[in-house]
Amino acid sequence: MNSGIIASRYAKALLKYVQETGNGDKVYSQAGVLVMRMEEVRQLREYVEAYREVEPERKFSLLEAALGESMADELRRFLTLVIARRRTEYFLRMLHSFILQYRISLNIRVGSLITALPAEGLKEKLEEFTGSITGASVHLEMNVNPDIIGGFVFTLDDVRMDASVRTQIRRIRNRLVEKNNRIV
């Protein structure tokens, strides 16, 4: 069976379960942390997904250590089901799928904002502005990258707005090169 279908079905079941219990926000945030940790630490991912001989309590303690807090009961029960059904190899995909489905169900959009210098209040204003336009709850990840020299790069879903000085300089340079090539 296709691994994407398996992950999607399990994620849908987890979503339905957290909607019934009303603890979706906590499970969503913990799933996000687990995804980040499992992608950062390859050994953790391999330990949880690949090694079936590892006892479940050991996996729970490792994931709780990665979380930095006790695992939500819904997530613990979900992982128990995944282990019992011998589907741990799809666990990371299941978490990714759950996060995506949770965002869709609550109309949450996630994007990024890159600036050359820290900009106080810009993130909040941009979240509010884009939220009013899209009608969704918008969450932006703010990053500082001095390489863009100035301006910003804003990404939301499949829309990217690059108003960085570096990009403007590159465009000017490309136009000059293009014009000089025509003259010759």
C-alpha atoms as a PDB file:
ATOM      1  CA  MET A   1       0.000   0.000   0.000  1.00  0.00           C
ATOM      2  CA  ASN A   2       1.162   3.539  -0.717  1.00  0.00           C
ATOM      3  CA  SER A   3       2.939   5.140   2.260  1.00  0.00           C
ATOM      4  CA  GLY A   4       1.223   8.485   1.594  1.00  0.00           C
ATOM      5  CA  ILE A   5      -2.203   6.891   1.836  1.00  0.00           C
ATOM      6  CA  ILE A   6      -1.287   5.117   5.063  1.00  0.00           C
ATOM      7  CA  ALA A   7       0.066   8.315   6.627  1.00  0.00           C
ATOM      8  CA  SER A   8      -2.950  10.319   5.505  1.00  0.00           C
ATOM      9  CA  ARG A   9      -5.450   7.835   6.922  1.00  0.00           C
ATOM     10  CA  TYR A  10      -3.744   7.647  10.295  1.00  0.00           C
ATOM     11  CA  ALA A  11      -3.427  11.446  10.388  1.00  0.00           C
ATOM     12  CA  LYS A  12      -7.106  11.825   9.590  1.00  0.00           C
ATOM     13  CA  ALA A  13      -7.946   9.479  12.471  1.00  0.00           C
ATOM     14  CA  LEU A  14      -5.736  11.477  14.833  1.00  0.00           C
ATOM     15  CA  LEU A  15      -7.344  14.723  13.674  1.00  0.00           C
ATOM     16  CA  LYS A  16     -10.818  13.350  14.302  1.00  0.00           C
ATOM     17  CA  TYR A  17      -9.741  12.103  17.719  1.00  0.00           C
ATOM     18  CA  VAL A  18      -8.262  15.448  18.840  1.00  0.00           C
ATOM     19  CA  GLN A  19     -11.329  17.284  17.558  1.00  0.00           C
ATOM     20  CA  GLU A  20     -13.466  15.049  19.769  1.00  0.00           C
ATOM     21  CA  THR A  21     -11.266  15.563  22.829  1.00  0.00           C
ATOM     22  CA  GLY A  22     -10.731  19.284  22.218  1.00  0.00           C
ATOM     23  CA  ASN A  23      -6.982  19.038  22.765  1.00  0.00           C
ATOM     24  CA  GLY A  24      -5.993  19.763  19.165  1.00  0.00           C
ATOM     25  CA  ASP A  25      -3.803  22.793  19.871  1.00  0.00           C
ATOM     26  CA  LYS A  26      -1.517  20.890  22.232  1.00  0.00           C
ATOM     27  CA  VAL A  27      -1.238  17.867  19.932  1.00  0.00           C
ATOM     28  CA  TYR A  28      -0.611  20.179  16.947  1.00  0.00           C
ATOM     29  CA  SER A  29       2.207  22.012  18.722  1.00  0.00           C
ATOM     30  CA  GLN A  30       3.748  18.780  20.004  1.00  0.00           C
ATOM     31  CA  ALA A  31       3.533  17.211  16.542  1.00  0.00           C
ATOM     32  CA  GLY A  32       5.365  20.242  15.148  1.00  0.00           C
ATOM     33  CA  VAL A  33       8.130  19.905  17.732  1.00  0.00           C
ATOM     34  CA  LEU A  34       8.456  16.164  17.088  1.00  0.00           C
ATOM     35  CA  VAL A  35       8.692  16.713  13.330  1.00  0.00           C
ATOM     36  CA  MET A  36      11.398  19.316  13.834  1.00  0.00           C
ATOM     37  CA  ARG A  37      13.370  17.124  16.252  1.00  0.00           C
ATOM     38  CA  MET A  38      13.050  13.966  14.146  1.00  0.00           C
ATOM     39  CA  GLU A  39      14.281  15.847  11.069  1.00  0.00           C
ATOM     40  CA  GLU A  40      17.173  17.440  12.989  1.00  0.00           C
ATOM     41  CA  VAL A  41      18.311  14.252  14.734  1.00  0.00           C
ATOM     42  CA  ARG A  42      18.501  11.411  12.253  1.00  0.00           C
ATOM     43  CA  GLN A  43      19.233   8.851  14.975  1.00  0.00           C
ATOM     44  CA  LEU A  44      15.986   9.696  16.772  1.00  0.00           C
ATOM     45  CA  ARG A  45      14.020   9.174  13.593  1.00  0.00           C
ATOM     46  CA  GLU A  46      15.751   5.885  12.871  1.00  0.00           C
ATOM     47  CA  TYR A  47      15.264   4.724  16.442  1.00  0.00           C
ATOM     48  CA  VAL A  48      11.544   5.475  16.419  1.00  0.00           C
ATOM     49  CA  GLU A  49      10.762   4.342  12.877  1.00  0.00           C
ATOM     50  CA  ALA A  50      13.161   1.608  11.883  1.00  0.00           C
ATOM     51  CA  TYR A  51      13.962  -0.411  14.979  1.00  0.00           C
ATOM     52  CA  ARG A  52      10.937  -2.554  15.711  1.00  0.00           C
ATOM     53  CA  GLU A  53      12.718  -4.469  18.468  1.00  0.00           C
ATOM     54  CA  VAL A  54      12.829  -1.334  20.646  1.00  0.00           C
ATOM     55  CA  GLU A  55      10.180  -1.502  23.314  1.00  0.00           C
ATOM     56  CA  PRO A  56       7.382   1.081  23.149  1.00  0.00           C
ATOM     57  CA  GLU A  57       8.100   2.631  26.562  1.00  0.00           C
ATOM     58  CA  ARG A  58      11.623   3.426  25.421  1.00  0.00           C
ATOM     59  CA  LYS A  59      10.237   5.163  22.322  1.00  0.00           C
ATOM     60  CA  PHE A  60       7.816   7.168  24.473  1.00  0.00           C
ATOM     61  CA  SER A  61      10.590   8.292  26.801  1.00  0.00           C
ATOM     62  CA  LEU A  62      12.795   9.310  23.852  1.00  0.00           C
ATOM     63  CA  LEU A  63      10.007  11.305  22.221  1.00  0.00           C
ATOM     64  CA  GLU A  64       9.120  12.973  25.534  1.00  0.00           C
ATOM     65  CA  ALA A  65      12.773  13.904  25.981  1.00  0.00           C
ATOM     66  CA  ALA A  66      12.724  15.384  22.475  1.00  0.00           C
ATOM     67  CA  LEU A  67       9.538  17.302  23.338  1.00  0.00           C
ATOM     68  CA  GLY A  68      10.884  18.605  26.624  1.00  0.00           C
ATOM     69  CA  GLU A  69       7.505  17.918  28.270  1.00  0.00           C
ATOM     70  CA  SER A  70       5.148  15.024  28.820  1.00  0.00           C
ATOM     71  CA  MET A  71       3.419  13.826  25.691  1.00  0.00           C
ATOM     72  CA  ALA A  72      -0.273  14.619  25.282  1.00  0.00           C
ATOM     73  CA  ASP A  73      -2.492  11.644  26.069  1.00  0.00           C
ATOM     74  CA  GLU A  74      -3.972  11.702  22.551  1.00  0.00           C
ATOM     75  CA  LEU A  75      -0.531  11.581  20.974  1.00  0.00           C
ATOM     76  CA  ARG A  76       0.551   8.813  23.351  1.00  0.00           C
ATOM     77  CA  ARG A  77      -2.506   6.721  22.461  1.00  0.00           C
ATOM     78  CA  PHE A  78      -1.927   7.409  18.775  1.00  0.00           C
ATOM     79  CA  LEU A  79       1.684   6.263  18.999  1.00  0.00           C
ATOM     80  CA  THR A  80       0.550   3.149  20.864  1.00  0.00           C
ATOM     81  CA  LEU A  81      -1.784   2.354  17.959  1.00  0.00           C
ATOM     82  CA  VAL A  82       0.954   3.007  15.404  1.00  0.00           C
ATOM     83  CA  ILE A  83       3.330   0.686  17.264  1.00  0.00           C
ATOM     84  CA  ALA A  84       0.669  -2.025  17.682  1.00  0.00           C
ATOM     85  CA  ARG A  85      -0.123  -1.907  13.946  1.00  0.00           C
ATOM     86  CA  ARG A  86       3.610  -1.993  13.087  1.00  0.00           C
ATOM     87  CA  ARG A  87       3.456   1.294  11.211  1.00  0.00           C
ATOM     88  CA  THR A  88       6.265   3.171  12.983  1.00  0.00           C
ATOM     89  CA  GLU A  89       8.162   3.554   9.717  1.00  0.00           C
ATOM     90  CA  TYR A  90       5.442   5.998   8.630  1.00  0.00           C
ATOM     91  CA  PHE A  91       5.299   7.940  11.901  1.00  0.00           C
ATOM     92  CA  LEU A  92       7.058  11.090  10.618  1.00  0.00           C
ATOM     93  CA  ARG A  93       4.862  11.162   7.514  1.00  0.00           C
ATOM     94  CA  MET A  94       1.810  10.750   9.720  1.00  0.00           C
ATOM     95  CA  LEU A  95       2.836  13.758  11.800  1.00  0.00           C
ATOM     96  CA  HIS A  96       3.434  15.839   8.658  1.00  0.00           C
ATOM     97  CA  SER A  97       0.047  14.828   7.305  1.00  0.00           C
ATOM     98  CA  PHE A  98      -1.663  15.564  10.638  1.00  0.00           C
ATOM     99  CA  ILE A  99      -0.138  19.060  10.758  1.00  0.00           C
ATOM    100  CA  LEU A 100      -1.308  19.772   7.216  1.00  0.00           C
ATOM    101  CA  GLN A 101      -4.825  18.455   7.845  1.00  0.00           C
ATOM    102  CA  TYR A 102      -5.074  20.360  11.132  1.00  0.00           C
ATOM    103  CA  ARG A 103      -4.115  23.602   9.391  1.00  0.00           C
ATOM    104  CA  ILE A 104      -6.679  23.021   6.669  1.00  0.00           C
ATOM    105  CA  SER A 105      -9.429  22.203   9.169  1.00  0.00           C
ATOM    106  CA  LEU A 106      -8.820  25.430  11.123  1.00  0.00           C
ATOM    107  CA  ASN A 107      -7.952  27.586   8.082  1.00  0.00           C
ATOM    108  CA  ILE A 108      -4.397  28.266   9.253  1.00  0.00           C
ATOM    109  CA  ARG A 109      -1.806  29.492   6.765  1.00  0.00           C
ATOM    110  CA  VAL A 110       1.890  29.421   7.489  1.00  0.00           C
ATOM    111  CA  GLY A 111       4.512  31.558   5.814  1.00  0.00           C
ATOM    112  CA  SER A 112       7.879  33.167   6.357  1.00  0.00           C
ATOM    113  CA  LEU A 113       9.282  36.662   6.530  1.00  0.00           C
ATOM    114  CA  ILE A 114      12.975  37.309   5.989  1.00  0.00           C
ATOM    115  CA  THR A 115      14.442  40.727   6.762  1.00  0.00           C
ATOM    116  CA  ALA A 116      17.977  42.092   6.740  1.00  0.00           C
ATOM    117  CA  LEU A 117      17.636  43.482  10.267  1.00  0.00           C
ATOM    118  CA  PRO A 118      15.278  42.700  13.149  1.00  0.00           C
ATOM    119  CA  ALA A 119      12.005  44.567  12.597  1.00  0.00           C
ATOM    120  CA  GLU A 120       9.917  45.066  15.702  1.00  0.00           C
ATOM    121  CA  GLY A 121       6.196  44.638  15.140  1.00  0.00           C
ATOM    122  CA  LEU A 122       6.460  43.934  11.398  1.00  0.00           C
ATOM    123  CA  LYS A 123       5.622  40.255  11.800  1.00  0.00           C
ATOM    124  CA  GLU A 124       2.444  40.970  13.773  1.00  0.00           C
ATOM    125  CA  LYS A 125       1.289  43.692  11.376  1.00  0.00           C
ATOM    126  CA  LEU A 126       1.897  41.478   8.365  1.00  0.00           C
ATOM    127  CA  GLU A 127       0.087  38.533  10.005  1.00  0.00           C
ATOM    128  CA  GLU A 128      -2.892  40.765  10.754  1.00  0.00           C
ATOM    129  CA  PHE A 129      -2.915  42.312   7.270  1.00  0.00           C
ATOM    130  CA  THR A 130      -2.628  39.026   5.368  1.00  0.00           C
ATOM    131  CA  GLY A 131      -5.147  37.431   7.714  1.00  0.00           C
ATOM    132  CA  SER A 132      -7.691  40.134   6.926  1.00  0.00           C
ATOM    133  CA  ILE A 133      -7.148  39.642   3.184  1.00  0.00           C
ATOM    134  CA  THR A 134      -7.176  35.835   3.167  1.00  0.00           C
ATOM    135  CA  GLY A 135      -9.731  35.322   5.918  1.00  0.00           C
ATOM    136  CA  ALA A 136      -7.374  32.825   7.533  1.00  0.00           C
ATOM    137  CA  SER A 137      -5.310  32.737  10.657  1.00  0.00           C
ATOM    138  CA  VAL A 138      -1.776  33.527   9.456  1.00  0.00           C
ATOM    139  CA  HIS A 139       1.384  32.489  11.293  1.00  0.00           C
ATOM    140  CA  LEU A 140       4.729  33.757  10.017  1.00  0.00           C
ATOM    141  CA  GLU A 141       8.178  32.494  10.831  1.00  0.00           C
ATOM    142  CA  MET A 142      10.516  35.459  11.155  1.00  0.00           C
ATOM    143  CA  ASN A 143      14.160  35.138  10.078  1.00  0.00           C
ATOM    144  CA  VAL A 144      16.969  37.671   9.870  1.00  0.00           C
ATOM    145  CA  ASN A 145      19.368  37.306   6.940  1.00  0.00           C
ATOM    146  CA  PRO A 146      21.843  40.166   6.429  1.00  0.00           C
ATOM    147  CA  ASP A 147      22.738  38.767   2.971  1.00  0.00           C
ATOM    148  CA  ILE A 148      19.591  40.327   1.479  1.00  0.00           C
ATOM    149  CA  ILE A 149      21.149  43.741   2.322  1.00  0.00           C
ATOM    150  CA  GLY A 150      17.765  45.417   2.918  1.00  0.00           C
ATOM    151  CA  GLY A 151      14.057  45.035   2.316  1.00  0.00           C
ATOM    152  CA  PHE A 152      12.275  41.735   2.901  1.00  0.00           C
ATOM    153  CA  VAL A 153      11.245  38.409   1.391  1.00  0.00           C
ATOM    154  CA  PHE A 154       7.690  37.331   2.224  1.00  0.00           C
ATOM    155  CA  THR A 155       6.308  33.860   1.463  1.00  0.00           C
ATOM    156  CA  LEU A 156       2.780  32.605   2.132  1.00  0.00           C
ATOM    157  CA  ASP A 157       1.607  29.331   0.616  1.00  0.00           C
ATOM    158  CA  ASP A 158       2.694  29.513  -3.017  1.00  0.00           C
ATOM    159  CA  VAL A 159       3.041  33.312  -3.162  1.00  0.00           C
ATOM    160  CA  ARG A 160       6.487  34.872  -2.803  1.00  0.00           C
ATOM    161  CA  MET A 161       7.165  38.592  -2.676  1.00  0.00           C
ATOM    162  CA  ASP A 162      10.854  39.426  -2.899  1.00  0.00           C
ATOM    163  CA  ALA A 163      11.467  43.094  -2.154  1.00  0.00           C
ATOM    164  CA  SER A 164      15.075  42.642  -1.096  1.00  0.00           C
ATOM    165  CA  VAL A 165      17.853  44.985  -2.146  1.00  0.00           C
ATOM    166  CA  ARG A 166      19.953  42.016  -3.255  1.00  0.00           C
ATOM    167  CA  THR A 167      17.277  40.947  -5.759  1.00  0.00           C
ATOM    168  CA  GLN A 168      16.861  44.503  -7.044  1.00  0.00           C
ATOM    169  CA  ILE A 169      20.626  44.795  -7.588  1.00  0.00           C
ATOM    170  CA  ARG A 170      20.647  41.466  -9.419  1.00  0.00           C
ATOM    171  CA  ARG A 171      17.798  42.635 -11.694  1.00  0.00           C
ATOM    172  CA  ILE A 172      19.606  45.891 -12.514  1.00  0.00           C
ATOM    173  CA  ARG A 173      22.817  43.997 -13.242  1.00  0.00           C
ATOM    174  CA  ASN A 174      20.967  41.555 -15.535  1.00  0.00           C
ATOM    175  CA  ARG A 175      19.360  44.458 -17.445  1.00  0.00           C
ATOM    176  CA  LEU A 176      22.729  46.162 -17.924  1.00  0.00           C
ATOM    177  CA  VAL A 177      24.319  42.957 -19.151  1.00  0.00           C
ATOM    178  CA  GLU A 178      21.401  42.353 -21.495  1.00  0.00           C
ATOM    179  CA  LYS A 179      21.614  45.882 -22.940  1.00  0.00           C
ATOM    180  CA  ASN A 180      25.374  45.658 -23.375  1.00  0.00           C
ATOM    181  CA  ASN A 181      25.049  42.345 -25.192  1.00  0.00           C
ATOM    182  CA  ARG A 182      22.599  43.903 -27.681  1.00  0.00           C
ATOM    183  CA  ILE A 183      24.977  46.748 -28.529  1.00  0.00           C
ATOM    184  CA  VAL A 184      27.780  44.421 -29.614  1.00  0.00           C
END
